[in-house]
Amino acid sequence: YEIGVRLVGSEMCIRDREWKDDKTLITLIKAELYTAVIGDIMDKMGYLHQFLPPHIRPLRDDMLIAGRAMTVLEADVHDNSASGGNNPLLQRSFGLMLEALDDLKEDEVYICSGSSPEYALWGELMSARAMQCKAAGAVVNGYSRDTKGILALDFPCFSYGPYAQDQAPRGKVIDYRVPIEVDGVLVNDGDMLIGDIDGVCVVPRRIEEEVFTRALEKARGERIVLKKIQEGMRARDAFDKFGIM
């Protein structure tokens, strides 16, 4: 196993990494972690802008996402039927959206940004195809539609919320598996995305081992602190002893 870092109070210790592959890591994240504790660790490491904007919400409060980003770049178009221009891609329905959707891999998250928030970027049929690809969910910097259908499929979707206006005559995917930005947050293909009721955070691949090792330790420490507070320990004493609050 690779080496990770463990925190005990304010002391630093060395420990083995608890996961050997993405499947095990994602299982650990879903079982023990949540966006708040992961965000706290990234704050301590100096990564202060890793949360997507708060208006990107789960369609249902209990939806969870943990998986690798499959980044998708969208752009506005203003006349789907117009001929001419210098980019033949813009003459294709949806641009590269269908190719991007078909390229989803197991435990990946379709994350799309780049367009104005004037139309839906995700829907029921896209969810059905993503499920066939065993994708982990969808996160879009815009709206989603076909809400009843997505909920019936139980497919994790994070968006601005329901809005039926279609992207077909208004936007196209112009590239995928490229760096994208979501309201100032950089997302690279392959970064780890975690989403829950408190939002969506982005863990860059280059720091993920330290982030998740420390987050697991903090989450387990928080459960101890919760028990002590429920038993009557004062907040000041709990923080002084455990360094967690």
Protein backbone atom coordinates (compact mmCIF):
# COMPACT_ATOMS: atom_id res chain seq x y z
CA TYR A 1 0.00 0.00 0.00
CA GLU A 2 1.02 3.60 -0.51
CA ILE A 3 1.74 5.79 2.45
CA GLY A 4 -0.82 8.29 3.77
CA VAL A 5 -1.03 10.73 6.66
CA ARG A 6 -3.01 10.24 9.84
CA LEU A 7 -3.99 12.98 12.29
CA VAL A 8 -4.32 12.22 16.01
CA GLY A 9 -5.26 15.46 17.72
CA SER A 10 -2.56 17.81 16.45
CA GLU A 11 -0.01 15.02 15.89
CA MET A 12 0.92 13.65 12.47
CA CYS A 13 1.34 9.90 12.06
CA ILE A 14 2.01 7.63 9.10
CA ARG A 15 -0.47 4.99 8.03
CA ASP A 16 -1.17 2.73 5.09
CA ARG A 17 -3.67 3.87 2.51
CA GLU A 18 -6.99 2.08 3.05
CA TRP A 19 -7.98 1.62 -0.60
CA LYS A 20 -6.30 -0.15 -3.47
CA ASP A 21 -8.51 1.05 -6.33
CA ASP A 22 -11.29 3.48 -7.22
CA LYS A 23 -14.03 1.01 -6.42
CA THR A 24 -12.83 0.63 -2.83
CA LEU A 25 -12.28 4.38 -2.46
CA ILE A 26 -15.79 5.20 -3.69
CA THR A 27 -17.25 2.64 -1.28
CA LEU A 28 -15.36 4.31 1.59
CA ILE A 29 -16.51 7.76 0.54
CA LYS A 30 -20.16 6.73 0.40
CA ALA A 31 -19.99 4.85 3.68
CA GLU A 32 -18.05 7.31 5.82
CA LEU A 33 -17.52 10.71 4.20
CA TYR A 34 -19.54 13.79 3.25
CA THR A 35 -18.76 17.04 1.50
CA ALA A 36 -18.35 19.09 4.68
CA VAL A 37 -15.50 17.03 6.10
CA ILE A 38 -13.78 16.72 2.71
CA GLY A 39 -14.05 20.48 2.22
CA ASP A 40 -12.59 21.09 5.70
CA ILE A 41 -9.52 19.04 4.84
CA MET A 42 -8.98 20.87 1.55
CA ASP A 43 -9.31 24.19 3.39
CA LYS A 44 -6.53 23.12 5.77
CA MET A 45 -4.39 22.16 2.77
CA GLY A 46 -4.87 25.61 1.22
CA TYR A 47 -7.41 24.60 -1.45
CA LEU A 48 -10.09 27.13 -0.55
CA HIS A 49 -12.25 27.16 -3.69
CA GLN A 50 -13.26 23.55 -4.37
CA PHE A 51 -17.03 23.74 -3.90
CA LEU A 52 -19.32 24.26 -6.85
CA PRO A 53 -21.85 27.11 -6.39
CA PRO A 54 -24.60 26.41 -3.85
CA HIS A 55 -27.41 26.64 -6.41
CA ILE A 56 -26.21 23.33 -7.90
CA ARG A 57 -28.40 21.03 -5.83
CA PRO A 58 -29.51 17.37 -5.85
CA LEU A 59 -32.91 16.79 -7.42
CA ARG A 60 -33.77 14.81 -4.29
CA ASP A 61 -32.16 15.48 -0.92
CA ASP A 62 -30.90 11.93 -0.38
CA MET A 63 -29.02 11.72 -3.69
CA LEU A 64 -25.29 11.03 -3.40
CA ILE A 65 -22.53 11.19 -5.99
CA ALA A 66 -18.97 9.93 -5.73
CA GLY A 67 -17.02 9.35 -8.91
CA ARG A 68 -14.49 10.55 -11.45
CA ALA A 69 -15.30 13.65 -13.48
CA MET A 70 -16.02 13.21 -17.17
CA THR A 71 -15.85 16.85 -18.17
CA VAL A 72 -18.12 18.27 -20.87
CA LEU A 73 -17.87 21.74 -22.43
CA GLU A 74 -21.11 23.32 -23.63
CA ALA A 75 -21.60 26.54 -25.61
CA ASP A 76 -24.62 28.62 -26.55
CA VAL A 77 -25.87 28.67 -30.13
CA HIS A 78 -28.51 31.07 -31.38
CA ASP A 79 -29.79 29.56 -34.63
CA ASN A 80 -29.70 25.79 -34.91
CA SER A 81 -30.82 25.88 -38.53
CA ALA A 82 -28.31 28.44 -39.76
CA SER A 83 -26.03 27.32 -42.57
CA GLY A 84 -22.50 28.46 -43.22
CA GLY A 85 -19.97 29.33 -40.56
CA ASN A 86 -16.52 27.89 -40.12
CA ASN A 87 -17.20 25.09 -37.66
CA PRO A 88 -19.05 22.07 -39.10
CA LEU A 89 -19.58 20.76 -35.57
CA LEU A 90 -22.20 23.46 -35.04
CA GLN A 91 -24.33 21.93 -37.80
CA ARG A 92 -24.70 18.70 -35.83
CA SER A 93 -27.63 18.16 -33.49
CA PHE A 94 -26.38 18.64 -29.92
CA GLY A 95 -22.78 18.96 -31.20
CA LEU A 96 -20.74 16.26 -29.44
CA MET A 97 -23.25 15.61 -26.64
CA LEU A 98 -24.20 12.11 -27.81
CA GLU A 99 -20.53 11.12 -28.22
CA ALA A 100 -19.74 12.45 -24.76
CA LEU A 101 -22.67 10.55 -23.28
CA ASP A 102 -21.61 7.30 -24.95
CA ASP A 103 -18.04 7.77 -23.71
CA LEU A 104 -19.06 7.63 -20.04
CA LYS A 105 -17.27 4.91 -18.08
CA GLU A 106 -18.23 3.07 -14.91
CA ASP A 107 -18.22 5.31 -11.82
CA GLU A 108 -17.75 8.48 -13.87
CA VAL A 109 -19.79 11.66 -13.43
CA TYR A 110 -20.98 13.66 -16.43
CA ILE A 111 -20.16 17.25 -15.45
CA CYS A 112 -21.08 19.99 -17.90
CA SER A 113 -20.40 23.74 -17.93
CA GLY A 114 -19.76 26.63 -20.29
CA SER A 115 -23.22 27.75 -21.40
CA SER A 116 -25.62 30.36 -20.10
CA PRO A 117 -28.24 29.13 -17.61
CA GLU A 118 -31.12 29.43 -20.07
CA TYR A 119 -31.93 25.79 -20.77
CA ALA A 120 -31.71 22.24 -19.47
CA LEU A 121 -28.43 20.36 -19.85
CA TRP A 122 -29.66 16.97 -18.62
CA GLY A 123 -32.77 14.83 -18.92
CA GLU A 124 -34.39 11.42 -18.56
CA LEU A 125 -33.05 9.76 -21.72
CA MET A 126 -29.53 10.95 -20.93
CA SER A 127 -29.95 9.45 -17.45
CA ALA A 128 -31.08 6.14 -18.93
CA ARG A 129 -28.03 5.99 -21.20
CA ALA A 130 -25.69 6.99 -18.35
CA MET A 131 -27.11 4.17 -16.23
CA GLN A 132 -26.36 1.69 -19.02
CA CYS A 133 -22.76 2.97 -18.91
CA LYS A 134 -22.79 2.46 -15.09
CA ALA A 135 -22.05 6.14 -14.55
CA ALA A 136 -22.17 7.55 -11.03
CA GLY A 137 -24.33 10.59 -11.77
CA ALA A 138 -24.58 13.95 -13.50
CA VAL A 139 -23.64 17.46 -12.36
CA VAL A 140 -24.60 20.33 -14.65
CA ASN A 141 -23.96 24.06 -14.37
CA GLY A 142 -27.51 24.75 -15.48
CA TYR A 143 -30.94 23.17 -15.30
CA SER A 144 -32.22 19.64 -15.75
CA ARG A 145 -35.60 18.48 -17.05
CA ASP A 146 -37.79 15.37 -17.24
CA THR A 147 -37.62 15.47 -13.47
CA LYS A 148 -40.23 12.80 -12.80
CA GLY A 149 -38.43 10.45 -15.17
CA ILE A 150 -35.02 11.05 -13.59
CA LEU A 151 -36.45 10.50 -10.12
CA ALA A 152 -38.18 7.32 -11.26
CA LEU A 153 -34.84 6.05 -12.57
CA ASP A 154 -33.25 6.98 -9.22
CA PHE A 155 -30.29 8.47 -11.09
CA PRO A 156 -28.24 11.01 -9.07
CA CYS A 157 -28.55 14.41 -10.75
CA PHE A 158 -27.32 17.76 -9.43
CA SER A 159 -28.44 20.93 -11.22
CA TYR A 160 -30.03 24.36 -10.70
CA GLY A 161 -33.32 22.48 -10.50
CA PRO A 162 -36.15 21.59 -12.90
CA TYR A 163 -36.69 23.67 -16.04
CA ALA A 164 -38.06 22.18 -19.25
CA GLN A 165 -36.57 24.49 -21.89
CA ASP A 166 -34.47 22.29 -24.18
CA GLN A 167 -30.86 22.71 -25.17
CA ALA A 168 -31.37 21.44 -28.75
CA PRO A 169 -31.90 24.83 -30.44
CA ARG A 170 -29.90 26.76 -27.84
CA GLY A 171 -26.67 24.94 -26.99
CA LYS A 172 -24.21 22.33 -28.15
CA VAL A 173 -21.43 20.28 -26.59
CA ILE A 174 -18.24 21.47 -28.28
CA ASP A 175 -15.72 19.21 -26.51
CA TYR A 176 -15.35 16.72 -23.69
CA ARG A 177 -12.62 15.33 -21.43
CA VAL A 178 -11.08 18.80 -21.35
CA PRO A 179 -10.62 21.19 -18.40
CA ILE A 180 -13.79 23.15 -17.61
CA GLU A 181 -14.70 25.86 -15.14
CA VAL A 182 -17.81 25.96 -13.00
CA ASP A 183 -18.25 29.47 -11.61
CA GLY A 184 -14.54 29.83 -10.90
CA VAL A 185 -13.88 26.22 -9.86
CA LEU A 186 -11.54 24.35 -12.19
CA VAL A 187 -12.53 20.76 -12.94
CA ASN A 188 -10.17 18.43 -14.79
CA ASP A 189 -11.19 15.16 -16.35
CA GLY A 190 -10.54 12.46 -13.75
CA ASP A 191 -10.86 14.64 -10.65
CA MET A 192 -13.02 13.12 -7.93
CA LEU A 193 -16.47 14.64 -7.45
CA ILE A 194 -18.47 14.21 -4.26
CA GLY A 195 -22.04 15.48 -4.02
CA ASP A 196 -24.64 15.36 -1.26
CA ILE A 197 -27.32 17.56 0.26
CA ASP A 198 -24.68 20.13 1.26
CA GLY A 199 -23.33 20.61 -2.27
CA VAL A 200 -20.68 19.31 -4.66
CA CYS A 201 -16.93 19.48 -4.07
CA VAL A 202 -14.06 18.78 -6.44
CA VAL A 203 -10.99 16.92 -5.22
CA PRO A 204 -8.08 17.32 -7.67
CA ARG A 205 -6.51 13.99 -8.52
CA ARG A 206 -3.02 15.17 -7.54
CA ILE A 207 -4.03 15.67 -3.88
CA GLU A 208 -6.74 13.05 -3.46
CA GLU A 209 -4.71 10.53 -1.48
CA GLU A 210 -3.92 12.99 1.29
CA VAL A 211 -7.40 14.52 1.20
CA PHE A 212 -9.28 11.24 1.60
CA THR A 213 -6.85 9.79 4.14
CA ARG A 214 -7.19 12.86 6.34
CA ALA A 215 -10.93 13.13 5.74
CA LEU A 216 -11.49 9.57 6.91
CA GLU A 217 -9.55 10.27 10.09
CA LYS A 218 -11.48 13.51 10.71
CA ALA A 219 -14.87 11.91 10.07
CA ARG A 220 -14.08 9.12 12.52
CA GLY A 221 -12.84 11.68 15.04
CA GLU A 222 -16.03 13.69 14.64
CA ARG A 223 -18.10 10.66 15.58
CA ILE A 224 -16.08 10.36 18.79
CA VAL A 225 -16.52 14.07 19.54
CA LEU A 226 -20.26 13.84 18.87
CA LYS A 227 -20.54 11.02 21.38
CA LYS A 228 -18.57 12.97 23.99
CA ILE A 229 -20.72 16.09 23.53
CA GLN A 230 -23.88 14.00 23.80
CA GLU A 231 -22.45 12.65 27.05
CA GLY A 232 -22.08 16.22 28.34
CA MET A 233 -18.56 17.34 27.38
CA ARG A 234 -18.22 21.11 26.91
CA ALA A 235 -17.47 22.38 23.40
CA ARG A 236 -14.26 24.10 24.55
CA ASP A 237 -13.01 20.95 26.25
CA ALA A 238 -13.89 18.80 23.26
CA PHE A 239 -12.01 21.07 20.87
CA ASP A 240 -8.99 21.34 23.16
CA LYS A 241 -8.78 17.57 23.46
CA PHE A 242 -9.64 16.43 19.94
CA GLY A 243 -8.99 19.51 17.77
CA ILE A 244 -12.34 18.97 16.03
CA MET A 245 -15.55 20.98 15.98
